[in-house]
Amino acid sequence: MLENNIRIIKSEKAQATHEIYQLETHIQDNKKKLQNNKKLPYLVSNIVEMLDNNDPETREDHEYHKTAIIKTSTRQTVSLFILFGHKFI
Protein backbone atom coordinates (compact mmCIF):
# COMPACT_ATOMS: atom_id res chain seq x y z
CA MET A 1 0.00 0.00 0.00
CA LEU A 2 2.77 2.42 0.98
CA GLU A 3 4.80 1.60 -2.14
CA ASN A 4 1.78 2.23 -4.32
CA ASN A 5 1.29 5.71 -2.77
CA ILE A 6 5.02 6.48 -3.29
CA ARG A 7 4.78 5.47 -6.96
CA ILE A 8 1.67 7.67 -7.45
CA ILE A 9 3.34 10.67 -5.78
CA LYS A 10 6.52 10.21 -7.90
CA SER A 11 4.38 10.03 -11.03
CA GLU A 12 2.53 13.24 -10.08
CA LYS A 13 5.85 14.94 -9.34
CA ALA A 14 7.26 13.94 -12.75
CA GLN A 15 4.10 15.18 -14.46
CA ALA A 16 4.27 18.53 -12.61
CA THR A 17 7.96 19.04 -13.48
CA HIS A 18 7.22 18.26 -17.13
CA GLU A 19 4.38 20.83 -17.16
CA ILE A 20 6.70 23.41 -15.57
CA TYR A 21 9.32 22.73 -18.24
CA GLN A 22 6.75 23.13 -21.02
CA LEU A 23 5.46 26.40 -19.54
CA GLU A 24 8.98 27.79 -19.17
CA THR A 25 9.82 27.03 -22.80
CA HIS A 26 6.51 28.58 -23.86
CA ILE A 27 7.34 31.73 -21.85
CA GLN A 28 10.81 31.95 -23.44
CA ASP A 29 9.31 31.61 -26.94
CA ASN A 30 6.80 34.36 -26.19
CA LYS A 31 9.56 36.65 -24.88
CA LYS A 32 11.51 36.14 -28.12
CA LYS A 33 8.40 36.92 -30.15
CA LEU A 34 7.84 40.11 -28.14
CA GLN A 35 11.42 41.23 -28.78
CA ASN A 36 11.00 40.63 -32.52
CA ASN A 37 7.70 42.51 -32.62
CA LYS A 38 9.20 45.54 -30.85
CA LYS A 39 11.50 46.18 -33.82
CA LEU A 40 10.19 48.79 -36.20
CA PRO A 41 9.85 47.84 -39.84
CA TYR A 42 11.81 49.62 -42.52
CA LEU A 43 10.00 52.41 -44.30
CA VAL A 44 10.81 52.37 -48.00
CA SER A 45 9.74 55.06 -50.41
CA ASN A 46 10.08 55.84 -54.09
CA ILE A 47 9.97 59.20 -55.82
CA VAL A 48 6.97 59.13 -58.14
CA GLU A 49 7.08 62.64 -59.54
CA MET A 50 9.14 65.81 -59.31
CA LEU A 51 7.22 69.05 -59.70
CA ASP A 52 8.95 72.27 -60.74
CA ASN A 53 7.16 75.45 -59.83
CA ASN A 54 9.53 78.00 -61.32
CA ASP A 55 6.94 80.44 -62.63
CA PRO A 56 6.63 83.22 -60.01
CA GLU A 57 3.26 84.32 -61.40
CA THR A 58 1.55 81.00 -60.64
CA ARG A 59 3.52 80.30 -57.46
CA GLU A 60 2.30 81.82 -54.24
CA ASP A 61 4.71 83.22 -51.65
CA HIS A 62 4.42 80.23 -49.32
CA GLU A 63 5.06 77.63 -52.06
CA TYR A 64 8.50 76.21 -52.79
CA HIS A 65 10.27 75.92 -56.13
CA LYS A 66 10.42 72.11 -56.19
CA THR A 67 8.18 69.44 -54.76
CA ALA A 68 8.69 65.66 -54.70
CA ILE A 69 5.73 63.28 -54.66
CA ILE A 70 6.72 59.99 -53.00
CA LYS A 71 4.94 56.70 -52.34
CA THR A 72 5.87 54.77 -49.21
CA SER A 73 5.83 51.06 -48.42
CA THR A 74 2.79 51.73 -46.21
CA ARG A 75 0.87 52.83 -49.35
CA GLN A 76 0.84 56.50 -48.44
CA THR A 77 1.43 59.24 -50.99
CA VAL A 78 3.29 62.20 -49.56
CA SER A 79 4.25 65.59 -50.98
CA LEU A 80 7.65 66.80 -49.80
CA PHE A 81 8.93 70.30 -50.37
CA ILE A 82 12.58 70.63 -51.35
CA LEU A 83 14.03 73.51 -49.40
CA PHE A 84 17.64 73.73 -50.46
CA GLY A 85 17.47 72.86 -54.15
CA HIS A 86 19.00 69.38 -53.94
CA LYS A 87 19.42 67.68 -57.27
CA PHE A 88 17.91 64.24 -57.77
CA ILE A 89 19.12 61.86 -60.43
C-alpha atoms as a PDB file:
ATOM      1  CA  MET A   1       0.000   0.000   0.000  1.00  0.00           C
ATOM      2  CA  LEU A   2       2.765   2.421   0.985  1.00  0.00           C
ATOM      3  CA  GLU A   3       4.805   1.596  -2.141  1.00  0.00           C
ATOM      4  CA  ASN A   4       1.778   2.229  -4.322  1.00  0.00           C
ATOM      5  CA  ASN A   5       1.295   5.706  -2.768  1.00  0.00           C
ATOM      6  CA  ILE A   6       5.017   6.485  -3.290  1.00  0.00           C
ATOM      7  CA  ARG A   7       4.775   5.466  -6.960  1.00  0.00           C
ATOM      8  CA  ILE A   8       1.672   7.667  -7.448  1.00  0.00           C
ATOM      9  CA  ILE A   9       3.344  10.675  -5.782  1.00  0.00           C
ATOM     10  CA  LYS A  10       6.518  10.214  -7.904  1.00  0.00           C
ATOM     11  CA  SER A  11       4.381  10.033 -11.028  1.00  0.00           C
ATOM     12  CA  GLU A  12       2.525  13.238 -10.077  1.00  0.00           C
ATOM     13  CA  LYS A  13       5.852  14.944  -9.344  1.00  0.00           C
ATOM     14  CA  ALA A  14       7.262  13.938 -12.745  1.00  0.00           C
ATOM     15  CA  GLN A  15       4.101  15.177 -14.456  1.00  0.00           C
ATOM     16  CA  ALA A  16       4.271  18.526 -12.613  1.00  0.00           C
ATOM     17  CA  THR A  17       7.962  19.040 -13.485  1.00  0.00           C
ATOM     18  CA  HIS A  18       7.216  18.258 -17.129  1.00  0.00           C
ATOM     19  CA  GLU A  19       4.380  20.827 -17.160  1.00  0.00           C
ATOM     20  CA  ILE A  20       6.697  23.408 -15.568  1.00  0.00           C
ATOM     21  CA  TYR A  21       9.321  22.732 -18.242  1.00  0.00           C
ATOM     22  CA  GLN A  22       6.748  23.131 -21.022  1.00  0.00           C
ATOM     23  CA  LEU A  23       5.457  26.395 -19.544  1.00  0.00           C
ATOM     24  CA  GLU A  24       8.984  27.793 -19.166  1.00  0.00           C
ATOM     25  CA  THR A  25       9.821  27.028 -22.797  1.00  0.00           C
ATOM     26  CA  HIS A  26       6.515  28.577 -23.864  1.00  0.00           C
ATOM     27  CA  ILE A  27       7.336  31.727 -21.851  1.00  0.00           C
ATOM     28  CA  GLN A  28      10.808  31.945 -23.437  1.00  0.00           C
ATOM     29  CA  ASP A  29       9.311  31.608 -26.936  1.00  0.00           C
ATOM     30  CA  ASN A  30       6.800  34.359 -26.191  1.00  0.00           C
ATOM     31  CA  LYS A  31       9.561  36.648 -24.878  1.00  0.00           C
ATOM     32  CA  LYS A  32      11.507  36.142 -28.122  1.00  0.00           C
ATOM     33  CA  LYS A  33       8.396  36.925 -30.148  1.00  0.00           C
ATOM     34  CA  LEU A  34       7.842  40.107 -28.136  1.00  0.00           C
ATOM     35  CA  GLN A  35      11.417  41.232 -28.777  1.00  0.00           C
ATOM     36  CA  ASN A  36      11.000  40.626 -32.515  1.00  0.00           C
ATOM     37  CA  ASN A  37       7.704  42.509 -32.617  1.00  0.00           C
ATOM     38  CA  LYS A  38       9.201  45.539 -30.852  1.00  0.00           C
ATOM     39  CA  LYS A  39      11.502  46.175 -33.825  1.00  0.00           C
ATOM     40  CA  LEU A  40      10.192  48.793 -36.200  1.00  0.00           C
ATOM     41  CA  PRO A  41       9.854  47.838 -39.842  1.00  0.00           C
ATOM     42  CA  TYR A  42      11.815  49.620 -42.521  1.00  0.00           C
ATOM     43  CA  LEU A  43       9.996  52.409 -44.302  1.00  0.00           C
ATOM     44  CA  VAL A  44      10.808  52.366 -48.005  1.00  0.00           C
ATOM     45  CA  SER A  45       9.738  55.063 -50.415  1.00  0.00           C
ATOM     46  CA  ASN A  46      10.081  55.842 -54.093  1.00  0.00           C
ATOM     47  CA  ILE A  47       9.967  59.198 -55.818  1.00  0.00           C
ATOM     48  CA  VAL A  48       6.974  59.133 -58.136  1.00  0.00           C
ATOM     49  CA  GLU A  49       7.075  62.639 -59.539  1.00  0.00           C
ATOM     50  CA  MET A  50       9.142  65.807 -59.307  1.00  0.00           C
ATOM     51  CA  LEU A  51       7.219  69.052 -59.702  1.00  0.00           C
ATOM     52  CA  ASP A  52       8.952  72.272 -60.737  1.00  0.00           C
ATOM     53  CA  ASN A  53       7.159  75.452 -59.829  1.00  0.00           C
ATOM     54  CA  ASN A  54       9.533  77.998 -61.324  1.00  0.00           C
ATOM     55  CA  ASP A  55       6.939  80.437 -62.629  1.00  0.00           C
ATOM     56  CA  PRO A  56       6.635  83.218 -60.010  1.00  0.00           C
ATOM     57  CA  GLU A  57       3.259  84.319 -61.404  1.00  0.00           C
ATOM     58  CA  THR A  58       1.551  80.997 -60.641  1.00  0.00           C
ATOM     59  CA  ARG A  59       3.521  80.295 -57.459  1.00  0.00           C
ATOM     60  CA  GLU A  60       2.301  81.817 -54.237  1.00  0.00           C
ATOM     61  CA  ASP A  61       4.706  83.221 -51.646  1.00  0.00           C
ATOM     62  CA  HIS A  62       4.418  80.233 -49.316  1.00  0.00           C
ATOM     63  CA  GLU A  63       5.061  77.633 -52.058  1.00  0.00           C
ATOM     64  CA  TYR A  64       8.496  76.205 -52.795  1.00  0.00           C
ATOM     65  CA  HIS A  65      10.273  75.922 -56.131  1.00  0.00           C
ATOM     66  CA  LYS A  66      10.425  72.111 -56.187  1.00  0.00           C
ATOM     67  CA  THR A  67       8.176  69.436 -54.761  1.00  0.00           C
ATOM     68  CA  ALA A  68       8.693  65.663 -54.700  1.00  0.00           C
ATOM     69  CA  ILE A  69       5.735  63.285 -54.665  1.00  0.00           C
ATOM     70  CA  ILE A  70       6.720  59.994 -53.004  1.00  0.00           C
ATOM     71  CA  LYS A  71       4.939  56.702 -52.339  1.00  0.00           C
ATOM     72  CA  THR A  72       5.866  54.769 -49.207  1.00  0.00           C
ATOM     73  CA  SER A  73       5.829  51.064 -48.423  1.00  0.00           C
ATOM     74  CA  THR A  74       2.792  51.726 -46.206  1.00  0.00           C
ATOM     75  CA  ARG A  75       0.869  52.829 -49.348  1.00  0.00           C
ATOM     76  CA  GLN A  76       0.839  56.497 -48.439  1.00  0.00           C
ATOM     77  CA  THR A  77       1.425  59.240 -50.985  1.00  0.00           C
ATOM     78  CA  VAL A  78       3.295  62.202 -49.557  1.00  0.00           C
ATOM     79  CA  SER A  79       4.248  65.589 -50.978  1.00  0.00           C
ATOM     80  CA  LEU A  80       7.650  66.804 -49.797  1.00  0.00           C
ATOM     81  CA  PHE A  81       8.929  70.304 -50.373  1.00  0.00           C
ATOM     82  CA  ILE A  82      12.582  70.625 -51.349  1.00  0.00           C
ATOM     83  CA  LEU A  83      14.026  73.508 -49.403  1.00  0.00           C
ATOM     84  CA  PHE A  84      17.642  73.725 -50.464  1.00  0.00           C
ATOM     85  CA  GLY A  85      17.471  72.865 -54.154  1.00  0.00           C
ATOM     86  CA  HIS A  86      18.996  69.383 -53.945  1.00  0.00           C
ATOM     87  CA  LYS A  87      19.416  67.681 -57.273  1.00  0.00           C
ATOM     88  CA  PHE A  88      17.910  64.237 -57.770  1.00  0.00           C
ATOM     89  CA  ILE A  89      19.121  61.863 -60.429  1.00  0.00           C
END
